[in-house]
């Protein structure tokens, strides 16, 4: 049951092959106010954010070893459920016989 006036944003985080990504971080940002809410995907890759005020949002998911997935212009209504599947790509890595270097989605080298 939803709290009156608050919507729910829920869904799953997966990779390009459909594998679920446990522990992914999901951030919801209100485009008007800049207020953010965060959730962590459970062992089955599911996440949920409740009591979300009606408005327009951006939603972002990230996890180690994956690129960041972002959706903009997400409409959340009062007392509504907004379901999402967020798909993360695998980060590119270069390896030589001594070390590997992986680029993060923000362009910096990952450690």
PDB file of N, CA and C in Angstrom:
ATOM      1  N   UNK A   1       0.839  -1.178   0.000  1.00  0.00           N
ATOM      2  CA  UNK A   1       0.000   0.000   0.000  1.00  0.00           C
ATOM      3  C   UNK A   1       0.879   1.233   0.000  1.00  0.00           C
ATOM      4  N   UNK A   2       0.532   2.203  -0.830  1.00  0.00           N
ATOM      5  CA  UNK A   2       1.336   3.408  -0.965  1.00  0.00           C
ATOM      6  C   UNK A   2       0.906   4.472   0.037  1.00  0.00           C
ATOM      7  N   UNK A   3       1.873   5.236   0.506  1.00  0.00           N
ATOM      8  CA  UNK A   3       1.534   6.377   1.343  1.00  0.00           C
ATOM      9  C   UNK A   3       0.885   7.426   0.444  1.00  0.00           C
ATOM     10  N   UNK A   4      -0.181   8.070   0.940  1.00  0.00           N
ATOM     11  CA  UNK A   4      -0.893   9.014   0.103  1.00  0.00           C
ATOM     12  C   UNK A   4       0.041  10.112  -0.368  1.00  0.00           C
ATOM     13  N   UNK A   5       0.030  10.372  -1.674  1.00  0.00           N
ATOM     14  CA  UNK A   5       0.841  11.419  -2.262  1.00  0.00           C
ATOM     15  C   UNK A   5       2.229  10.987  -2.676  1.00  0.00           C
ATOM     16  N   UNK A   6       2.696   9.841  -2.250  1.00  0.00           N
ATOM     17  CA  UNK A   6       4.038   9.403  -2.590  1.00  0.00           C
ATOM     18  C   UNK A   6       4.023   8.263  -3.582  1.00  0.00           C
ATOM     19  N   UNK A   7       4.843   8.368  -4.615  1.00  0.00           N
ATOM     20  CA  UNK A   7       4.958   7.303  -5.602  1.00  0.00           C
ATOM     21  C   UNK A   7       6.074   6.349  -5.237  1.00  0.00           C
ATOM     22  N   UNK A   8       6.191   5.292  -6.018  1.00  0.00           N
ATOM     23  CA  UNK A   8       7.239   4.290  -5.822  1.00  0.00           C
ATOM     24  C   UNK A   8       7.981   4.111  -7.134  1.00  0.00           C
ATOM     25  N   UNK A   9       9.301   4.131  -7.073  1.00  0.00           N
ATOM     26  CA  UNK A   9      10.148   3.805  -8.215  1.00  0.00           C
ATOM     27  C   UNK A   9      10.827   2.493  -7.859  1.00  0.00           C
ATOM     28  N   UNK A  10      10.610   1.477  -8.672  1.00  0.00           N
ATOM     29  CA  UNK A  10      11.185   0.162  -8.377  1.00  0.00           C
ATOM     30  C   UNK A  10      11.598  -0.513  -9.666  1.00  0.00           C
ATOM     31  N   UNK A  11      12.425  -1.535  -9.530  1.00  0.00           N
ATOM     32  CA  UNK A  11      12.833  -2.278 -10.711  1.00  0.00           C
ATOM     33  C   UNK A  11      14.017  -3.166 -10.447  1.00  0.00           C
ATOM     34  N   UNK A  12      14.734  -3.473 -11.516  1.00  0.00           N
ATOM     35  CA  UNK A  12      15.904  -4.334 -11.427  1.00  0.00           C
ATOM     36  C   UNK A  12      17.076  -3.692 -12.146  1.00  0.00           C
ATOM     37  N   UNK A  13      18.267  -4.094 -11.728  1.00  0.00           N
ATOM     38  CA  UNK A  13      19.504  -3.679 -12.383  1.00  0.00           C
ATOM     39  C   UNK A  13      20.125  -4.945 -12.945  1.00  0.00           C
ATOM     40  N   UNK A  14      20.429  -4.922 -14.246  1.00  0.00           N
ATOM     41  CA  UNK A  14      21.034  -6.103 -14.874  1.00  0.00           C
ATOM     42  C   UNK A  14      22.138  -5.693 -15.824  1.00  0.00           C
ATOM     43  N   UNK A  15      22.861  -6.718 -16.331  1.00  0.00           N
ATOM     44  CA  UNK A  15      23.892  -6.463 -17.329  1.00  0.00           C
ATOM     45  C   UNK A  15      23.291  -6.679 -18.719  1.00  0.00           C
ATOM     46  N   UNK A  16      24.094  -6.461 -19.740  1.00  0.00           N
ATOM     47  CA  UNK A  16      23.610  -6.536 -21.117  1.00  0.00           C
ATOM     48  C   UNK A  16      23.103  -7.923 -21.504  1.00  0.00           C
ATOM     49  N   UNK A  17      23.532  -8.955 -20.789  1.00  0.00           N
ATOM     50  CA  UNK A  17      23.072 -10.318 -21.085  1.00  0.00           C
ATOM     51  C   UNK A  17      21.898 -10.733 -20.203  1.00  0.00           C
ATOM     52  N   UNK A  18      21.389  -9.798 -19.397  1.00  0.00           N
ATOM     53  CA  UNK A  18      20.242 -10.093 -18.551  1.00  0.00           C
ATOM     54  C   UNK A  18      20.581 -10.585 -17.166  1.00  0.00           C
ATOM     55  N   UNK A  19      21.871 -10.701 -16.851  1.00  0.00           N
ATOM     56  CA  UNK A  19      22.271 -11.126 -15.509  1.00  0.00           C
ATOM     57  C   UNK A  19      21.973 -10.044 -14.487  1.00  0.00           C
ATOM     58  N   UNK A  20      21.438 -10.424 -13.353  1.00  0.00           N
ATOM     59  CA  UNK A  20      21.092  -9.469 -12.314  1.00  0.00           C
ATOM     60  C   UNK A  20      22.339  -9.000 -11.574  1.00  0.00           C
ATOM     61  N   UNK A  21      22.363  -7.723 -11.189  1.00  0.00           N
ATOM     62  CA  UNK A  21      23.530  -7.145 -10.525  1.00  0.00           C
ATOM     63  C   UNK A  21      23.169  -6.792  -9.087  1.00  0.00           C
ATOM     64  N   UNK A  22      23.529  -7.681  -8.175  1.00  0.00           N
ATOM     65  CA  UNK A  22      23.313  -7.437  -6.748  1.00  0.00           C
ATOM     66  C   UNK A  22      24.256  -6.346  -6.271  1.00  0.00           C
ATOM     67  N   UNK A  23      23.790  -5.509  -5.355  1.00  0.00           N
ATOM     68  CA  UNK A  23      24.629  -4.484  -4.755  1.00  0.00           C
ATOM     69  C   UNK A  23      24.790  -3.225  -5.580  1.00  0.00           C
ATOM     70  N   UNK A  24      24.125  -3.137  -6.737  1.00  0.00           N
ATOM     71  CA  UNK A  24      24.214  -1.922  -7.549  1.00  0.00           C
ATOM     72  C   UNK A  24      23.620  -0.748  -6.773  1.00  0.00           C
ATOM     73  N   UNK A  25      24.212   0.409  -6.929  1.00  0.00           N
ATOM     74  CA  UNK A  25      23.722   1.620  -6.293  1.00  0.00           C
ATOM     75  C   UNK A  25      22.773   2.332  -7.262  1.00  0.00           C
ATOM     76  N   UNK A  26      21.597   2.713  -6.776  1.00  0.00           N
ATOM     77  CA  UNK A  26      20.600   3.404  -7.597  1.00  0.00           C
ATOM     78  C   UNK A  26      20.326   4.761  -6.953  1.00  0.00           C
ATOM     79  N   UNK A  27      20.428   5.831  -7.743  1.00  0.00           N
ATOM     80  CA  UNK A  27      20.189   7.183  -7.254  1.00  0.00           C
ATOM     81  C   UNK A  27      19.084   7.827  -8.066  1.00  0.00           C
ATOM     82  N   UNK A  28      18.110   8.386  -7.384  1.00  0.00           N
ATOM     83  CA  UNK A  28      16.990   9.085  -8.000  1.00  0.00           C
ATOM     84  C   UNK A  28      17.144  10.560  -7.654  1.00  0.00           C
ATOM     85  N   UNK A  29      17.158  11.439  -8.691  1.00  0.00           N
ATOM     86  CA  UNK A  29      17.343  12.879  -8.452  1.00  0.00           C
ATOM     87  C   UNK A  29      16.166  13.648  -9.016  1.00  0.00           C
ATOM     88  N   UNK A  30      15.537  14.464  -8.175  1.00  0.00           N
ATOM     89  CA  UNK A  30      14.441  15.313  -8.608  1.00  0.00           C
ATOM     90  C   UNK A  30      15.024  16.421  -9.477  1.00  0.00           C
ATOM     91  N   UNK A  31      14.566  16.517 -10.729  1.00  0.00           N
ATOM     92  CA  UNK A  31      15.135  17.489 -11.659  1.00  0.00           C
ATOM     93  C   UNK A  31      14.843  18.930 -11.259  1.00  0.00           C
ATOM     94  N   UNK A  32      13.771  19.185 -10.500  1.00  0.00           N
ATOM     95  CA  UNK A  32      13.423  20.547 -10.088  1.00  0.00           C
ATOM     96  C   UNK A  32      14.152  20.981  -8.824  1.00  0.00           C
ATOM     97  N   UNK A  33      14.239  20.093  -7.854  1.00  0.00           N
ATOM     98  CA  UNK A  33      14.800  20.464  -6.554  1.00  0.00           C
ATOM     99  C   UNK A  33      16.236  20.002  -6.342  1.00  0.00           C
ATOM    100  N   UNK A  34      16.671  18.997  -7.114  1.00  0.00           N
ATOM    101  CA  UNK A  34      18.004  18.437  -6.924  1.00  0.00           C
ATOM    102  C   UNK A  34      18.080  17.433  -5.785  1.00  0.00           C
ATOM    103  N   UNK A  35      16.983  17.228  -5.057  1.00  0.00           N
ATOM    104  CA  UNK A  35      16.964  16.275  -3.940  1.00  0.00           C
ATOM    105  C   UNK A  35      17.193  14.862  -4.466  1.00  0.00           C
ATOM    106  N   UNK A  36      18.015  14.090  -3.752  1.00  0.00           N
ATOM    107  CA  UNK A  36      18.316  12.727  -4.173  1.00  0.00           C
ATOM    108  C   UNK A  36      17.870  11.711  -3.126  1.00  0.00           C
ATOM    109  N   UNK A  37      17.562  10.528  -3.620  1.00  0.00           N
ATOM    110  CA  UNK A  37      17.276   9.366  -2.787  1.00  0.00           C
ATOM    111  C   UNK A  37      18.096   8.218  -3.358  1.00  0.00           C
ATOM    112  N   UNK A  38      18.563   7.326  -2.495  1.00  0.00           N
ATOM    113  CA  UNK A  38      19.374   6.211  -2.968  1.00  0.00           C
ATOM    114  C   UNK A  38      18.836   4.881  -2.456  1.00  0.00           C
ATOM    115  N   UNK A  39      19.140   3.843  -3.204  1.00  0.00           N
ATOM    116  CA  UNK A  39      18.802   2.473  -2.822  1.00  0.00           C
ATOM    117  C   UNK A  39      19.916   1.570  -3.307  1.00  0.00           C
ATOM    118  N   UNK A  40      19.995   0.391  -2.725  1.00  0.00           N
ATOM    119  CA  UNK A  40      20.959  -0.620  -3.149  1.00  0.00           C
ATOM    120  C   UNK A  40      20.190  -1.838  -3.626  1.00  0.00           C
ATOM    121  N   UNK A  41      20.549  -2.350  -4.803  1.00  0.00           N
ATOM    122  CA  UNK A  41      19.884  -3.541  -5.337  1.00  0.00           C
ATOM    123  C   UNK A  41      20.174  -4.736  -4.441  1.00  0.00           C
ATOM    124  N   UNK A  42      19.130  -5.539  -4.200  1.00  0.00           N
ATOM    125  CA  UNK A  42      19.283  -6.718  -3.351  1.00  0.00           C
ATOM    126  C   UNK A  42      19.943  -7.864  -4.117  1.00  0.00           C
ATOM    127  N   UNK A  43      19.979  -9.041  -3.536  1.00  0.00           N
ATOM    128  CA  UNK A  43      20.649 -10.198  -4.136  1.00  0.00           C
ATOM    129  C   UNK A  43      20.049 -10.598  -5.477  1.00  0.00           C
ATOM    130  N   UNK A  44      18.795 -10.221  -5.730  1.00  0.00           N
ATOM    131  CA  UNK A  44      18.145 -10.523  -7.010  1.00  0.00           C
ATOM    132  C   UNK A  44      18.177  -9.325  -7.957  1.00  0.00           C
ATOM    133  N   UNK A  45      18.945  -8.282  -7.619  1.00  0.00           N
ATOM    134  CA  UNK A  45      19.067  -7.100  -8.468  1.00  0.00           C
ATOM    135  C   UNK A  45      17.895  -6.140  -8.368  1.00  0.00           C
ATOM    136  N   UNK A  46      16.980  -6.359  -7.418  1.00  0.00           N
ATOM    137  CA  UNK A  46      15.807  -5.498  -7.270  1.00  0.00           C
ATOM    138  C   UNK A  46      16.102  -4.301  -6.364  1.00  0.00           C
ATOM    139  N   UNK A  47      15.446  -3.188  -6.680  1.00  0.00           N
ATOM    140  CA  UNK A  47      15.535  -1.996  -5.838  1.00  0.00           C
ATOM    141  C   UNK A  47      14.153  -1.356  -5.743  1.00  0.00           C
ATOM    142  N   UNK A  48      13.948  -0.547  -4.718  1.00  0.00           N
ATOM    143  CA  UNK A  48      12.696   0.195  -4.563  1.00  0.00           C
ATOM    144  C   UNK A  48      12.957   1.467  -3.771  1.00  0.00           C
ATOM    145  N   UNK A  49      12.361   2.550  -4.241  1.00  0.00           N
ATOM    146  CA  UNK A  49      12.386   3.829  -3.539  1.00  0.00           C
ATOM    147  C   UNK A  49      10.934   4.240  -3.344  1.00  0.00           C
ATOM    148  N   UNK A  50      10.525   4.455  -2.095  1.00  0.00           N
ATOM    149  CA  UNK A  50       9.125   4.776  -1.826  1.00  0.00           C
ATOM    150  C   UNK A  50       8.974   6.209  -1.333  1.00  0.00           C
ATOM    151  N   UNK A  51       7.710   6.637  -1.242  1.00  0.00           N
ATOM    152  CA  UNK A  51       7.376   8.006  -0.826  1.00  0.00           C
ATOM    153  C   UNK A  51       8.056   9.047  -1.695  1.00  0.00           C
ATOM    154  N   UNK A  52       8.083   8.799  -2.998  1.00  0.00           N
ATOM    155  CA  UNK A  52       8.697   9.715  -3.959  1.00  0.00           C
ATOM    156  C   UNK A  52       7.658  10.758  -4.359  1.00  0.00           C
ATOM    157  N   UNK A  53       7.986  12.036  -4.172  1.00  0.00           N
ATOM    158  CA  UNK A  53       7.066  13.111  -4.534  1.00  0.00           C
ATOM    159  C   UNK A  53       6.850  13.117  -6.046  1.00  0.00           C
ATOM    160  N   UNK A  54       5.645  13.459  -6.469  1.00  0.00           N
ATOM    161  CA  UNK A  54       5.342  13.549  -7.898  1.00  0.00           C
ATOM    162  C   UNK A  54       6.275  14.567  -8.546  1.00  0.00           C
ATOM    163  N   UNK A  55       6.761  14.230  -9.735  1.00  0.00           N
ATOM    164  CA  UNK A  55       7.645  15.145 -10.452  1.00  0.00           C
ATOM    165  C   UNK A  55       8.451  14.430 -11.511  1.00  0.00           C
ATOM    166  N   UNK A  56       9.428  15.152 -12.040  1.00  0.00           N
ATOM    167  CA  UNK A  56      10.315  14.631 -13.077  1.00  0.00           C
ATOM    168  C   UNK A  56      11.679  14.355 -12.455  1.00  0.00           C
ATOM    169  N   UNK A  57      12.209  13.169 -12.751  1.00  0.00           N
ATOM    170  CA  UNK A  57      13.441  12.704 -12.120  1.00  0.00           C
ATOM    171  C   UNK A  57      14.435  12.166 -13.139  1.00  0.00           C
ATOM    172  N   UNK A  58      15.684  12.080 -12.692  1.00  0.00           N
ATOM    173  CA  UNK A  58      16.721  11.317 -13.377  1.00  0.00           C
ATOM    174  C   UNK A  58      17.057  10.149 -12.455  1.00  0.00           C
ATOM    175  N   UNK A  59      17.263   8.981 -13.046  1.00  0.00           N
ATOM    176  CA  UNK A  59      17.612   7.802 -12.249  1.00  0.00           C
ATOM    177  C   UNK A  59      18.910   7.240 -12.800  1.00  0.00           C
ATOM    178  N   UNK A  60      19.812   6.874 -11.896  1.00  0.00           N
ATOM    179  CA  UNK A  60      21.136   6.398 -12.282  1.00  0.00           C
ATOM    180  C   UNK A  60      21.460   5.139 -11.496  1.00  0.00           C
ATOM    181  N   UNK A  61      22.050   4.163 -12.170  1.00  0.00           N
ATOM    182  CA  UNK A  61      22.502   2.941 -11.508  1.00  0.00           C
ATOM    183  C   UNK A  61      23.981   2.737 -11.813  1.00  0.00           C
ATOM    184  N   UNK A  62      24.710   2.260 -10.815  1.00  0.00           N
ATOM    185  CA  UNK A  62      26.138   1.993 -11.007  1.00  0.00           C
ATOM    186  C   UNK A  62      26.556   0.807 -10.152  1.00  0.00           C
ATOM    187  N   UNK A  63      27.616   0.153 -10.594  1.00  0.00           N
ATOM    188  CA  UNK A  63      28.208  -0.962  -9.856  1.00  0.00           C
ATOM    189  C   UNK A  63      29.652  -1.113 -10.309  1.00  0.00           C
ATOM    190  N   UNK A  64      30.514  -1.608  -9.418  1.00  0.00           N
ATOM    191  CA  UNK A  64      31.920  -1.823  -9.771  1.00  0.00           C
ATOM    192  C   UNK A  64      32.031  -2.737 -10.979  1.00  0.00           C
ATOM    193  N   UNK A  65      32.879  -2.346 -11.924  1.00  0.00           N
ATOM    194  CA  UNK A  65      33.119  -3.155 -13.110  1.00  0.00           C
ATOM    195  C   UNK A  65      32.132  -2.902 -14.240  1.00  0.00           C
ATOM    196  N   UNK A  66      31.192  -1.972 -14.037  1.00  0.00           N
ATOM    197  CA  UNK A  66      30.170  -1.690 -15.046  1.00  0.00           C
ATOM    198  C   UNK A  66      30.111  -0.193 -15.343  1.00  0.00           C
ATOM    199  N   UNK A  67      29.608   0.154 -16.512  1.00  0.00           N
ATOM    200  CA  UNK A  67      29.364   1.547 -16.830  1.00  0.00           C
ATOM    201  C   UNK A  67      28.100   2.009 -16.116  1.00  0.00           C
ATOM    202  N   UNK A  68      27.924   3.297 -16.005  1.00  0.00           N
ATOM    203  CA  UNK A  68      26.750   3.870 -15.345  1.00  0.00           C
ATOM    204  C   UNK A  68      25.600   3.942 -16.344  1.00  0.00           C
ATOM    205  N   UNK A  69      24.409   3.559 -15.896  1.00  0.00           N
ATOM    206  CA  UNK A  69      23.193   3.690 -16.706  1.00  0.00           C
ATOM    207  C   UNK A  69      22.377   4.852 -16.159  1.00  0.00           C
ATOM    208  N   UNK A  70      21.922   5.743 -17.042  1.00  0.00           N
ATOM    209  CA  UNK A  70      21.146   6.902 -16.626  1.00  0.00           C
ATOM    210  C   UNK A  70      19.901   7.027 -17.480  1.00  0.00           C
ATOM    211  N   UNK A  71      18.779   7.324 -16.843  1.00  0.00           N
ATOM    212  CA  UNK A  71      17.542   7.682 -17.547  1.00  0.00           C
ATOM    213  C   UNK A  71      17.118   9.049 -17.067  1.00  0.00           C
ATOM    214  N   UNK A  72      16.788   9.914 -18.012  1.00  0.00           N
ATOM    215  CA  UNK A  72      16.359  11.270 -17.680  1.00  0.00           C
ATOM    216  C   UNK A  72      14.885  11.438 -18.048  1.00  0.00           C
ATOM    217  N   UNK A  73      14.248  12.412 -17.441  1.00  0.00           N
ATOM    218  CA  UNK A  73      12.862  12.704 -17.766  1.00  0.00           C
ATOM    219  C   UNK A  73      11.874  11.671 -17.267  1.00  0.00           C
ATOM    220  N   UNK A  74      12.218  10.984 -16.178  1.00  0.00           N
ATOM    221  CA  UNK A  74      11.349   9.960 -15.607  1.00  0.00           C
ATOM    222  C   UNK A  74      10.203  10.649 -14.864  1.00  0.00           C
ATOM    223  N   UNK A  75       8.979  10.350 -15.248  1.00  0.00           N
ATOM    224  CA  UNK A  75       7.806  10.940 -14.606  1.00  0.00           C
ATOM    225  C   UNK A  75       7.317  10.022 -13.480  1.00  0.00           C
ATOM    226  N   UNK A  76       7.186  10.588 -12.292  1.00  0.00           N
ATOM    227  CA  UNK A  76       6.653   9.851 -11.161  1.00  0.00           C
ATOM    228  C   UNK A  76       5.378  10.555 -10.730  1.00  0.00           C
ATOM    229  N   UNK A  77       4.296   9.794 -10.645  1.00  0.00           N
ATOM    230  CA  UNK A  77       3.017  10.346 -10.222  1.00  0.00           C
ATOM    231  C   UNK A  77       2.728  10.025  -8.768  1.00  0.00           C
ATOM    232  N   UNK A  78       1.862  10.842  -8.163  1.00  0.00           N
ATOM    233  CA  UNK A  78       1.438  10.587  -6.790  1.00  0.00           C
ATOM    234  C   UNK A  78       0.691   9.264  -6.747  1.00  0.00           C
ATOM    235  N   UNK A  79       0.971   8.457  -5.733  1.00  0.00           N
ATOM    236  CA  UNK A  79       0.310   7.165  -5.537  1.00  0.00           C
ATOM    237  C   UNK A  79       0.456   6.240  -6.739  1.00  0.00           C
ATOM    238  N   UNK A  80       1.553   6.362  -7.476  1.00  0.00           N
ATOM    239  CA  UNK A  80       1.786   5.526  -8.657  1.00  0.00           C
ATOM    240  C   UNK A  80       3.068   4.726  -8.482  1.00  0.00           C
ATOM    241  N   UNK A  81       3.158   3.619  -9.207  1.00  0.00           N
ATOM    242  CA  UNK A  81       4.367   2.798  -9.217  1.00  0.00           C
ATOM    243  C   UNK A  81       5.026   2.943 -10.575  1.00  0.00           C
ATOM    244  N   UNK A  82       6.303   3.337 -10.580  1.00  0.00           N
ATOM    245  CA  UNK A  82       7.063   3.486 -11.819  1.00  0.00           C
ATOM    246  C   UNK A  82       8.103   2.364 -11.880  1.00  0.00           C
ATOM    247  N   UNK A  83       7.874   1.330 -12.727  1.00  0.00           N
ATOM    248  CA  UNK A  83       8.829   0.216 -12.815  1.00  0.00           C
ATOM    249  C   UNK A  83       9.941   0.485 -13.835  1.00  0.00           C
ATOM    250  N   UNK A  84      11.160   0.048 -13.525  1.00  0.00           N
ATOM    251  CA  UNK A  84      12.302   0.246 -14.416  1.00  0.00           C
ATOM    252  C   UNK A  84      13.212  -0.961 -14.440  1.00  0.00           C
ATOM    253  N   UNK A  85      13.810  -1.185 -15.590  1.00  0.00           N
ATOM    254  CA  UNK A  85      14.946  -2.087 -15.712  1.00  0.00           C
ATOM    255  C   UNK A  85      16.104  -1.222 -16.170  1.00  0.00           C
ATOM    256  N   UNK A  86      17.165  -1.203 -15.407  1.00  0.00           N
ATOM    257  CA  UNK A  86      18.360  -0.435 -15.742  1.00  0.00           C
ATOM    258  C   UNK A  86      19.461  -1.412 -16.142  1.00  0.00           C
ATOM    259  N   UNK A  87      20.007  -1.224 -17.335  1.00  0.00           N
ATOM    260  CA  UNK A  87      21.011  -2.144 -17.877  1.00  0.00           C
ATOM    261  C   UNK A  87      22.377  -1.480 -17.874  1.00  0.00           C
ATOM    262  N   UNK A  88      23.333  -2.124 -17.215  1.00  0.00           N
ATOM    263  CA  UNK A  88      24.697  -1.620 -17.135  1.00  0.00           C
ATOM    264  C   UNK A  88      25.583  -2.369 -18.117  1.00  0.00           C
ATOM    265  N   UNK A  89      26.461  -1.645 -18.791  1.00  0.00           N
ATOM    266  CA  UNK A  89      27.432  -2.263 -19.680  1.00  0.00           C
ATOM    267  C   UNK A  89      28.702  -2.596 -18.917  1.00  0.00           C
ATOM    268  N   UNK A  90      29.496  -3.496 -19.448  1.00  0.00           N
ATOM    269  CA  UNK A  90      30.773  -3.877 -18.835  1.00  0.00           C
ATOM    270  C   UNK A  90      31.814  -2.832 -19.198  1.00  0.00           C
ATOM    271  N   UNK A  91      32.613  -2.425 -18.222  1.00  0.00           N
ATOM    272  CA  UNK A  91      33.683  -1.465 -18.476  1.00  0.00           C
ATOM    273  C   UNK A  91      34.771  -2.098 -19.330  1.00  0.00           C
ATOM    274  N   UNK A  92      35.383  -1.272 -20.160  1.00  0.00           N
ATOM    275  CA  UNK A  92      36.489  -1.742 -20.975  1.00  0.00           C
ATOM    276  C   UNK A  92      37.777  -1.821 -20.180  1.00  0.00           C
ATOM    277  N   UNK A  93      38.550  -2.873 -20.399  1.00  0.00           N
ATOM    278  CA  UNK A  93      39.825  -3.052 -19.697  1.00  0.00           C
ATOM    279  C   UNK A  93      40.916  -3.406 -20.703  1.00  0.00           C
ATOM    280  N   UNK A  94      42.115  -2.972 -20.383  1.00  0.00           N
ATOM    281  CA  UNK A  94      43.288  -3.344 -21.175  1.00  0.00           C
ATOM    282  C   UNK A  94      44.261  -4.038 -20.243  1.00  0.00           C
ATOM    283  N   UNK A  95      44.785  -5.174 -20.691  1.00  0.00           N
ATOM    284  CA  UNK A  95      45.716  -5.928 -19.847  1.00  0.00           C
ATOM    285  C   UNK A  95      47.012  -6.198 -20.592  1.00  0.00           C
ATOM    286  N   UNK A  96      48.114  -6.143 -19.862  1.00  0.00           N
ATOM    287  CA  UNK A  96      49.386  -6.632 -20.361  1.00  0.00           C
ATOM    288  C   UNK A  96      49.817  -7.734 -19.398  1.00  0.00           C
ATOM    289  N   UNK A  97      50.971  -8.358 -19.613  1.00  0.00           N
ATOM    290  CA  UNK A  97      51.345  -9.471 -18.731  1.00  0.00           C
ATOM    291  C   UNK A  97      51.488  -9.100 -17.256  1.00  0.00           C
ATOM    292  N   UNK A  98      51.652  -7.804 -16.934  1.00  0.00           N
ATOM    293  CA  UNK A  98      51.884  -7.413 -15.548  1.00  0.00           C
ATOM    294  C   UNK A  98      50.695  -6.763 -14.859  1.00  0.00           C
ATOM    295  N   UNK A  99      49.800  -6.136 -15.609  1.00  0.00           N
ATOM    296  CA  UNK A  99      48.706  -5.405 -14.958  1.00  0.00           C
ATOM    297  C   UNK A  99      47.550  -5.164 -15.913  1.00  0.00           C
ATOM    298  N   UNK A 100      46.384  -4.881 -15.323  1.00  0.00           N
ATOM    299  CA  UNK A 100      45.199  -4.510 -16.087  1.00  0.00           C
ATOM    300  C   UNK A 100      44.783  -3.107 -15.693  1.00  0.00           C
ATOM    301  N   UNK A 101      44.279  -2.355 -16.643  1.00  0.00           N
ATOM    302  CA  UNK A 101      43.769  -1.018 -16.401  1.00  0.00           C
ATOM    303  C   UNK A 101      42.373  -0.939 -16.996  1.00  0.00           C
ATOM    304  N   UNK A 102      41.409  -0.531 -16.200  1.00  0.00           N
ATOM    305  CA  UNK A 102      40.025  -0.420 -16.657  1.00  0.00           C
ATOM    306  C   UNK A 102      39.581   1.027 -16.572  1.00  0.00           C
ATOM    307  N   UNK A 103      38.927   1.501 -17.597  1.00  0.00           N
ATOM    308  CA  UNK A 103      38.406   2.862 -17.593  1.00  0.00           C
ATOM    309  C   UNK A 103      37.057   2.882 -16.895  1.00  0.00           C
ATOM    310  N   UNK A 104      36.854   3.868 -16.044  1.00  0.00           N
ATOM    311  CA  UNK A 104      35.551   4.046 -15.408  1.00  0.00           C
ATOM    312  C   UNK A 104      34.664   4.830 -16.365  1.00  0.00           C
ATOM    313  N   UNK A 105      33.382   4.861 -16.086  1.00  0.00           N
ATOM    314  CA  UNK A 105      32.458   5.564 -16.960  1.00  0.00           C
ATOM    315  C   UNK A 105      32.687   7.068 -16.961  1.00  0.00           C
ATOM    316  N   UNK A 106      33.384   7.607 -15.955  1.00  0.00           N
ATOM    317  CA  UNK A 106      33.672   9.024 -15.934  1.00  0.00           C
ATOM    318  C   UNK A 106      35.020   9.348 -16.601  1.00  0.00           C
ATOM    319  N   UNK A 107      35.644   8.329 -17.223  1.00  0.00           N
ATOM    320  CA  UNK A 107      36.875   8.533 -17.970  1.00  0.00           C
ATOM    321  C   UNK A 107      38.149   8.362 -17.169  1.00  0.00           C
ATOM    322  N   UNK A 108      38.055   8.292 -15.839  1.00  0.00           N
ATOM    323  CA  UNK A 108      39.254   8.117 -15.020  1.00  0.00           C
ATOM    324  C   UNK A 108      39.596   6.634 -14.956  1.00  0.00           C
ATOM    325  N   UNK A 109      40.837   6.330 -14.647  1.00  0.00           N
ATOM    326  CA  UNK A 109      41.242   4.926 -14.527  1.00  0.00           C
ATOM    327  C   UNK A 109      40.687   4.334 -13.251  1.00  0.00           C
ATOM    328  N   UNK A 110      40.166   3.143 -13.354  1.00  0.00           N
ATOM    329  CA  UNK A 110      39.666   2.433 -12.176  1.00  0.00           C
ATOM    330  C   UNK A 110      40.811   1.751 -11.478  1.00  0.00           C
ATOM    331  N   UNK A 111      40.676   1.489 -10.195  1.00  0.00           N
ATOM    332  CA  UNK A 111      41.736   0.820  -9.434  1.00  0.00           C
ATOM    333  C   UNK A 111      41.300  -0.546  -9.041  1.00  0.00           C
TER     334      UNK A 111
END
